[in-house]
Amino acid sequence: MTDNGVKLLATALALLPMVAVALALGKIFSEWLAGVSRNPGASEKMQQVGYLAFALTEAIALFALIVAFIILFVG
C-alpha cells in the first residue's frame, strides 16, 4: 500500500466517531422532545441542558474532523 493509501485509510478511520456523534445527537433530541412533551413546565431547564449536551457532542465531531484534516494534509 502506498503512503497516500495509508494516509487516506487513517483519515477514514479518524472520521468513524462521526457516526457515533450522529447517533448521539438523534438520541439527545428525541429524548429532549419526549421530555418536553411530558412536562412542558420544565421546558426552560431542559432546553439549557439539551443545548449543552448538543454542544459537547458536536465538539467531539469537530475534534474528529480536525484530527482527520491533520492526518490528511499535515501527516
PDB file of N, CA and C in Angstrom:
ATOM      1  N   MET A   1       0.850  -1.178   0.000  1.00  0.00           N
ATOM      2  CA  MET A   1       0.000   0.000   0.000  1.00  0.00           C
ATOM      3  C   MET A   1       0.898   1.244   0.000  1.00  0.00           C
ATOM      4  N   THR A   2       0.512   2.212  -0.755  1.00  0.00           N
ATOM      5  CA  THR A   2       1.326   3.425  -0.864  1.00  0.00           C
ATOM      6  C   THR A   2       1.110   4.334   0.342  1.00  0.00           C
ATOM      7  N   ASP A   3       1.968   5.322   0.459  1.00  0.00           N
ATOM      8  CA  ASP A   3       1.827   6.285   1.554  1.00  0.00           C
ATOM      9  C   ASP A   3       0.509   7.030   1.472  1.00  0.00           C
ATOM     10  N   ASN A   4       0.097   7.349   0.254  1.00  0.00           N
ATOM     11  CA  ASN A   4      -1.167   8.064   0.077  1.00  0.00           C
ATOM     12  C   ASN A   4      -2.352   7.185   0.483  1.00  0.00           C
ATOM     13  N   GLY A   5      -2.281   5.907   0.191  1.00  0.00           N
ATOM     14  CA  GLY A   5      -3.349   4.989   0.583  1.00  0.00           C
ATOM     15  C   GLY A   5      -3.458   4.838   2.084  1.00  0.00           C
ATOM     16  N   VAL A   6      -2.315   4.755   2.735  1.00  0.00           N
ATOM     17  CA  VAL A   6      -2.316   4.651   4.195  1.00  0.00           C
ATOM     18  C   VAL A   6      -2.862   5.927   4.809  1.00  0.00           C
ATOM     19  N   LYS A   7      -2.505   7.060   4.238  1.00  0.00           N
ATOM     20  CA  LYS A   7      -2.994   8.342   4.751  1.00  0.00           C
ATOM     21  C   LYS A   7      -4.512   8.439   4.607  1.00  0.00           C
ATOM     22  N   LEU A   8      -5.038   8.011   3.469  1.00  0.00           N
ATOM     23  CA  LEU A   8      -6.489   8.048   3.267  1.00  0.00           C
ATOM     24  C   LEU A   8      -7.215   7.074   4.193  1.00  0.00           C
ATOM     25  N   LEU A   9      -6.628   5.911   4.415  1.00  0.00           N
ATOM     26  CA  LEU A   9      -7.225   4.941   5.331  1.00  0.00           C
ATOM     27  C   LEU A   9      -7.234   5.466   6.762  1.00  0.00           C
ATOM     28  N   ALA A  10      -6.141   6.098   7.174  1.00  0.00           N
ATOM     29  CA  ALA A  10      -6.083   6.679   8.522  1.00  0.00           C
ATOM     30  C   ALA A  10      -7.093   7.814   8.674  1.00  0.00           C
ATOM     31  N   THR A  11      -7.270   8.587   7.623  1.00  0.00           N
ATOM     32  CA  THR A  11      -8.263   9.662   7.654  1.00  0.00           C
ATOM     33  C   THR A  11      -9.670   9.101   7.795  1.00  0.00           C
ATOM     34  N   ALA A  12      -9.954   8.039   7.059  1.00  0.00           N
ATOM     35  CA  ALA A  12     -11.278   7.419   7.151  1.00  0.00           C
ATOM     36  C   ALA A  12     -11.517   6.851   8.551  1.00  0.00           C
ATOM     37  N   LEU A  13     -10.500   6.260   9.141  1.00  0.00           N
ATOM     38  CA  LEU A  13     -10.647   5.724  10.499  1.00  0.00           C
ATOM     39  C   LEU A  13     -10.807   6.841  11.525  1.00  0.00           C
ATOM     40  N   ALA A  14     -10.181   7.976  11.271  1.00  0.00           N
ATOM     41  CA  ALA A  14     -10.316   9.100  12.200  1.00  0.00           C
ATOM     42  C   ALA A  14     -11.714   9.699  12.151  1.00  0.00           C
ATOM     43  N   LEU A  15     -12.432   9.470  11.062  1.00  0.00           N
ATOM     44  CA  LEU A  15     -13.780  10.022  10.934  1.00  0.00           C
ATOM     45  C   LEU A  15     -14.870   9.073  11.445  1.00  0.00           C
ATOM     46  N   LEU A  16     -14.507   7.902  11.913  1.00  0.00           N
ATOM     47  CA  LEU A  16     -15.511   6.968  12.446  1.00  0.00           C
ATOM     48  C   LEU A  16     -16.300   7.513  13.630  1.00  0.00           C
ATOM     49  N   PRO A  17     -15.723   8.315  14.505  1.00  0.00           N
ATOM     50  CA  PRO A  17     -16.533   8.865  15.603  1.00  0.00           C
ATOM     51  C   PRO A  17     -17.702   9.732  15.126  1.00  0.00           C
ATOM     52  N   MET A  18     -17.668  10.183  13.873  1.00  0.00           N
ATOM     53  CA  MET A  18     -18.772  10.990  13.354  1.00  0.00           C
ATOM     54  C   MET A  18     -20.077  10.182  13.327  1.00  0.00           C
ATOM     55  N   VAL A  19     -19.979   8.880  13.124  1.00  0.00           N
ATOM     56  CA  VAL A  19     -21.172   8.028  13.133  1.00  0.00           C
ATOM     57  C   VAL A  19     -21.782   8.018  14.530  1.00  0.00           C
ATOM     58  N   ALA A  20     -20.941   7.862  15.532  1.00  0.00           N
ATOM     59  CA  ALA A  20     -21.433   7.853  16.910  1.00  0.00           C
ATOM     60  C   ALA A  20     -22.022   9.208  17.292  1.00  0.00           C
ATOM     61  N   VAL A  21     -21.428  10.280  16.795  1.00  0.00           N
ATOM     62  CA  VAL A  21     -21.954  11.616  17.082  1.00  0.00           C
ATOM     63  C   VAL A  21     -23.333  11.790  16.463  1.00  0.00           C
ATOM     64  N   ALA A  22     -23.505  11.317  15.254  1.00  0.00           N
ATOM     65  CA  ALA A  22     -24.819  11.423  14.613  1.00  0.00           C
ATOM     66  C   ALA A  22     -25.877  10.651  15.389  1.00  0.00           C
ATOM     67  N   LEU A  23     -25.538   9.462  15.828  1.00  0.00           N
ATOM     68  CA  LEU A  23     -26.487   8.675  16.620  1.00  0.00           C
ATOM     69  C   LEU A  23     -26.769   9.345  17.967  1.00  0.00           C
ATOM     70  N   ALA A  24     -25.748   9.895  18.584  1.00  0.00           N
ATOM     71  CA  ALA A  24     -25.930  10.554  19.880  1.00  0.00           C
ATOM     72  C   ALA A  24     -26.799  11.797  19.750  1.00  0.00           C
ATOM     73  N   LEU A  25     -26.611  12.574  18.691  1.00  0.00           N
ATOM     74  CA  LEU A  25     -27.436  13.770  18.512  1.00  0.00           C
ATOM     75  C   LEU A  25     -28.902  13.402  18.287  1.00  0.00           C
ATOM     76  N   GLY A  26     -29.137  12.351  17.542  1.00  0.00           N
ATOM     77  CA  GLY A  26     -30.510  11.887  17.364  1.00  0.00           C
ATOM     78  C   GLY A  26     -31.138  11.459  18.677  1.00  0.00           C
ATOM     79  N   LYS A  27     -30.374  10.770  19.491  1.00  0.00           N
ATOM     80  CA  LYS A  27     -30.870  10.333  20.805  1.00  0.00           C
ATOM     81  C   LYS A  27     -31.111  11.525  21.728  1.00  0.00           C
ATOM     82  N   ILE A  28     -30.201  12.489  21.717  1.00  0.00           N
ATOM     83  CA  ILE A  28     -30.338  13.665  22.583  1.00  0.00           C
ATOM     84  C   ILE A  28     -31.634  14.408  22.259  1.00  0.00           C
ATOM     85  N   PHE A  29     -31.859  14.698  20.986  1.00  0.00           N
ATOM     86  CA  PHE A  29     -33.025  15.497  20.640  1.00  0.00           C
ATOM     87  C   PHE A  29     -34.326  14.713  20.708  1.00  0.00           C
ATOM     88  N   SER A  30     -34.282  13.411  20.482  1.00  0.00           N
ATOM     89  CA  SER A  30     -35.518  12.640  20.647  1.00  0.00           C
ATOM     90  C   SER A  30     -35.921  12.574  22.110  1.00  0.00           C
ATOM     91  N   GLU A  31     -34.941  12.395  22.996  1.00  0.00           N
ATOM     92  CA  GLU A  31     -35.249  12.376  24.429  1.00  0.00           C
ATOM     93  C   GLU A  31     -35.666  13.755  24.928  1.00  0.00           C
ATOM     94  N   TRP A  32     -35.050  14.792  24.378  1.00  0.00           N
ATOM     95  CA  TRP A  32     -35.422  16.153  24.773  1.00  0.00           C
ATOM     96  C   TRP A  32     -36.873  16.452  24.377  1.00  0.00           C
ATOM     97  N   LEU A  33     -37.247  16.083  23.160  1.00  0.00           N
ATOM     98  CA  LEU A  33     -38.631  16.314  22.726  1.00  0.00           C
ATOM     99  C   LEU A  33     -39.617  15.483  23.539  1.00  0.00           C
ATOM    100  N   ALA A  34     -39.245  14.258  23.863  1.00  0.00           N
ATOM    101  CA  ALA A  34     -40.127  13.425  24.686  1.00  0.00           C
ATOM    102  C   ALA A  34     -40.288  14.024  26.080  1.00  0.00           C
ATOM    103  N   GLY A  35     -39.210  14.533  26.644  1.00  0.00           N
ATOM    104  CA  GLY A  35     -39.285  15.137  27.977  1.00  0.00           C
ATOM    105  C   GLY A  35     -40.107  16.410  27.998  1.00  0.00           C
ATOM    106  N   VAL A  36     -39.950  17.230  26.966  1.00  0.00           N
ATOM    107  CA  VAL A  36     -40.723  18.478  26.898  1.00  0.00           C
ATOM    108  C   VAL A  36     -42.199  18.180  26.675  1.00  0.00           C
ATOM    109  N   SER A  37     -42.500  17.156  25.899  1.00  0.00           N
ATOM    110  CA  SER A  37     -43.910  16.834  25.668  1.00  0.00           C
ATOM    111  C   SER A  37     -44.561  16.254  26.933  1.00  0.00           C
ATOM    112  N   ARG A  38     -43.778  15.588  27.779  1.00  0.00           N
ATOM    113  CA  ARG A  38     -44.321  15.060  29.031  1.00  0.00           C
ATOM    114  C   ARG A  38     -44.485  16.136  30.095  1.00  0.00           C
ATOM    115  N   ASN A  39     -43.543  17.084  30.132  1.00  0.00           N
ATOM    116  CA  ASN A  39     -43.566  18.102  31.168  1.00  0.00           C
ATOM    117  C   ASN A  39     -43.229  19.464  30.557  1.00  0.00           C
ATOM    118  N   PRO A  40     -44.220  20.136  29.984  1.00  0.00           N
ATOM    119  CA  PRO A  40     -43.941  21.427  29.333  1.00  0.00           C
ATOM    120  C   PRO A  40     -43.455  22.500  30.302  1.00  0.00           C
ATOM    121  N   GLY A  41     -43.733  22.361  31.576  1.00  0.00           N
ATOM    122  CA  GLY A  41     -43.298  23.351  32.548  1.00  0.00           C
ATOM    123  C   GLY A  41     -41.791  23.364  32.756  1.00  0.00           C
ATOM    124  N   ALA A  42     -41.147  22.263  32.474  1.00  0.00           N
ATOM    125  CA  ALA A  42     -39.703  22.170  32.657  1.00  0.00           C
ATOM    126  C   ALA A  42     -38.945  22.442  31.363  1.00  0.00           C
ATOM    127  N   SER A  43     -39.612  23.064  30.428  1.00  0.00           N
ATOM    128  CA  SER A  43     -39.020  23.289  29.105  1.00  0.00           C
ATOM    129  C   SER A  43     -37.768  24.155  29.164  1.00  0.00           C
ATOM    130  N   GLU A  44     -37.793  25.201  29.985  1.00  0.00           N
ATOM    131  CA  GLU A  44     -36.644  26.113  30.062  1.00  0.00           C
ATOM    132  C   GLU A  44     -35.390  25.390  30.545  1.00  0.00           C
ATOM    133  N   LYS A  45     -35.512  24.643  31.650  1.00  0.00           N
ATOM    134  CA  LYS A  45     -34.348  23.947  32.190  1.00  0.00           C
ATOM    135  C   LYS A  45     -33.876  22.856  31.240  1.00  0.00           C
ATOM    136  N   MET A  46     -34.818  22.155  30.636  1.00  0.00           N
ATOM    137  CA  MET A  46     -34.440  21.085  29.713  1.00  0.00           C
ATOM    138  C   MET A  46     -33.811  21.646  28.449  1.00  0.00           C
ATOM    139  N   GLN A  47     -34.201  22.839  28.061  1.00  0.00           N
ATOM    140  CA  GLN A  47     -33.618  23.450  26.870  1.00  0.00           C
ATOM    141  C   GLN A  47     -32.142  23.761  27.106  1.00  0.00           C
ATOM    142  N   GLN A  48     -31.821  24.269  28.278  1.00  0.00           N
ATOM    143  CA  GLN A  48     -30.425  24.576  28.597  1.00  0.00           C
ATOM    144  C   GLN A  48     -29.567  23.312  28.610  1.00  0.00           C
ATOM    145  N   VAL A  49     -30.079  22.267  29.223  1.00  0.00           N
ATOM    146  CA  VAL A  49     -29.346  21.007  29.287  1.00  0.00           C
ATOM    147  C   VAL A  49     -29.212  20.395  27.890  1.00  0.00           C
ATOM    148  N   GLY A  50     -30.264  20.513  27.091  1.00  0.00           N
ATOM    149  CA  GLY A  50     -30.218  19.985  25.730  1.00  0.00           C
ATOM    150  C   GLY A  50     -29.191  20.699  24.869  1.00  0.00           C
ATOM    151  N   TYR A  51     -29.117  22.007  24.990  1.00  0.00           N
ATOM    152  CA  TYR A  51     -28.123  22.762  24.221  1.00  0.00           C
ATOM    153  C   TYR A  51     -26.702  22.431  24.681  1.00  0.00           C
ATOM    154  N   LEU A  52     -26.516  22.245  25.982  1.00  0.00           N
ATOM    155  CA  LEU A  52     -25.197  21.885  26.492  1.00  0.00           C
ATOM    156  C   LEU A  52     -24.784  20.504  25.979  1.00  0.00           C
ATOM    157  N   ALA A  53     -25.705  19.558  26.007  1.00  0.00           N
ATOM    158  CA  ALA A  53     -25.402  18.219  25.501  1.00  0.00           C
ATOM    159  C   ALA A  53     -25.110  18.261  24.010  1.00  0.00           C
ATOM    160  N   PHE A  54     -25.857  19.076  23.274  1.00  0.00           N
ATOM    161  CA  PHE A  54     -25.608  19.231  21.836  1.00  0.00           C
ATOM    162  C   PHE A  54     -24.213  19.799  21.590  1.00  0.00           C
ATOM    163  N   ALA A  55     -23.844  20.820  22.322  1.00  0.00           N
ATOM    164  CA  ALA A  55     -22.542  21.469  22.120  1.00  0.00           C
ATOM    165  C   ALA A  55     -21.393  20.522  22.452  1.00  0.00           C
ATOM    166  N   LEU A  56     -21.507  19.785  23.543  1.00  0.00           N
ATOM    167  CA  LEU A  56     -20.436  18.874  23.918  1.00  0.00           C
ATOM    168  C   LEU A  56     -20.320  17.713  22.930  1.00  0.00           C
ATOM    169  N   THR A  57     -21.443  17.223  22.457  1.00  0.00           N
ATOM    170  CA  THR A  57     -21.416  16.140  21.481  1.00  0.00           C
ATOM    171  C   THR A  57     -20.868  16.627  20.147  1.00  0.00           C
ATOM    172  N   GLU A  58     -21.239  17.802  19.752  1.00  0.00           N
ATOM    173  CA  GLU A  58     -20.753  18.355  18.492  1.00  0.00           C
ATOM    174  C   GLU A  58     -19.255  18.662  18.583  1.00  0.00           C
ATOM    175  N   ALA A  59     -18.755  18.968  19.772  1.00  0.00           N
ATOM    176  CA  ALA A  59     -17.322  19.202  19.943  1.00  0.00           C
ATOM    177  C   ALA A  59     -16.524  17.941  19.622  1.00  0.00           C
ATOM    178  N   ILE A  60     -17.060  16.786  19.963  1.00  0.00           N
ATOM    179  CA  ILE A  60     -16.389  15.528  19.627  1.00  0.00           C
ATOM    180  C   ILE A  60     -16.271  15.385  18.118  1.00  0.00           C
ATOM    181  N   ALA A  61     -17.333  15.739  17.400  1.00  0.00           N
ATOM    182  CA  ALA A  61     -17.293  15.666  15.937  1.00  0.00           C
ATOM    183  C   ALA A  61     -16.266  16.635  15.367  1.00  0.00           C
ATOM    184  N   LEU A  62     -16.184  17.819  15.925  1.00  0.00           N
ATOM    185  CA  LEU A  62     -15.206  18.788  15.435  1.00  0.00           C
ATOM    186  C   LEU A  62     -13.781  18.330  15.714  1.00  0.00           C
ATOM    187  N   PHE A  63     -13.547  17.728  16.878  1.00  0.00           N
ATOM    188  CA  PHE A  63     -12.217  17.200  17.171  1.00  0.00           C
ATOM    189  C   PHE A  63     -11.849  16.087  16.195  1.00  0.00           C
ATOM    190  N   ALA A  64     -12.789  15.216  15.893  1.00  0.00           N
ATOM    191  CA  ALA A  64     -12.523  14.135  14.941  1.00  0.00           C
ATOM    192  C   ALA A  64     -12.228  14.699  13.555  1.00  0.00           C
ATOM    193  N   LEU A  65     -12.949  15.732  13.166  1.00  0.00           N
ATOM    194  CA  LEU A  65     -12.716  16.352  11.862  1.00  0.00           C
ATOM    195  C   LEU A  65     -11.349  17.027  11.808  1.00  0.00           C
ATOM    196  N   ILE A  66     -10.960  17.689  12.879  1.00  0.00           N
ATOM    197  CA  ILE A  66      -9.644  18.338  12.922  1.00  0.00           C
ATOM    198  C   ILE A  66      -8.533  17.293  12.846  1.00  0.00           C
ATOM    199  N   VAL A  67      -8.683  16.192  13.567  1.00  0.00           N
ATOM    200  CA  VAL A  67      -7.684  15.125  13.512  1.00  0.00           C
ATOM    201  C   VAL A  67      -7.604  14.550  12.104  1.00  0.00           C
ATOM    202  N   ALA A  68      -8.745  14.368  11.457  1.00  0.00           N
ATOM    203  CA  ALA A  68      -8.742  13.836  10.091  1.00  0.00           C
ATOM    204  C   ALA A  68      -8.047  14.806   9.137  1.00  0.00           C
ATOM    205  N   PHE A  69      -8.284  16.090   9.280  1.00  0.00           N
ATOM    206  CA  PHE A  69      -7.610  17.068   8.418  1.00  0.00           C
ATOM    207  C   PHE A  69      -6.114  17.097   8.680  1.00  0.00           C
ATOM    208  N   ILE A  70      -5.719  16.967   9.937  1.00  0.00           N
ATOM    209  CA  ILE A  70      -4.287  16.941  10.255  1.00  0.00           C
ATOM    210  C   ILE A  70      -3.630  15.714   9.619  1.00  0.00           C
ATOM    211  N   ILE A  71      -4.286  14.583   9.730  1.00  0.00           N
ATOM    212  CA  ILE A  71      -3.733  13.365   9.116  1.00  0.00           C
ATOM    213  C   ILE A  71      -3.643  13.522   7.608  1.00  0.00           C
ATOM    214  N   LEU A  72      -4.671  14.083   7.016  1.00  0.00           N
ATOM    215  CA  LEU A  72      -4.733  14.162   5.559  1.00  0.00           C
ATOM    216  C   LEU A  72      -3.762  15.187   4.983  1.00  0.00           C
ATOM    217  N   PHE A  73      -3.670  16.343   5.595  1.00  0.00           N
ATOM    218  CA  PHE A  73      -2.903  17.430   4.982  1.00  0.00           C
ATOM    219  C   PHE A  73      -1.528  17.664   5.596  1.00  0.00           C
ATOM    220  N   VAL A  74      -1.319  17.281   6.856  1.00  0.00           N
ATOM    221  CA  VAL A  74      -0.039  17.549   7.504  1.00  0.00           C
ATOM    222  C   VAL A  74       0.806  16.284   7.601  1.00  0.00           C
ATOM    223  N   GLY A  75       0.164  15.186   8.042  1.00  0.00           N
ATOM    224  CA  GLY A  75       0.913  13.960   8.319  1.00  0.00           C
ATOM    225  C   GLY A  75       1.446  13.260   7.168  1.00  0.00           C
TER     226      GLY A  75
END
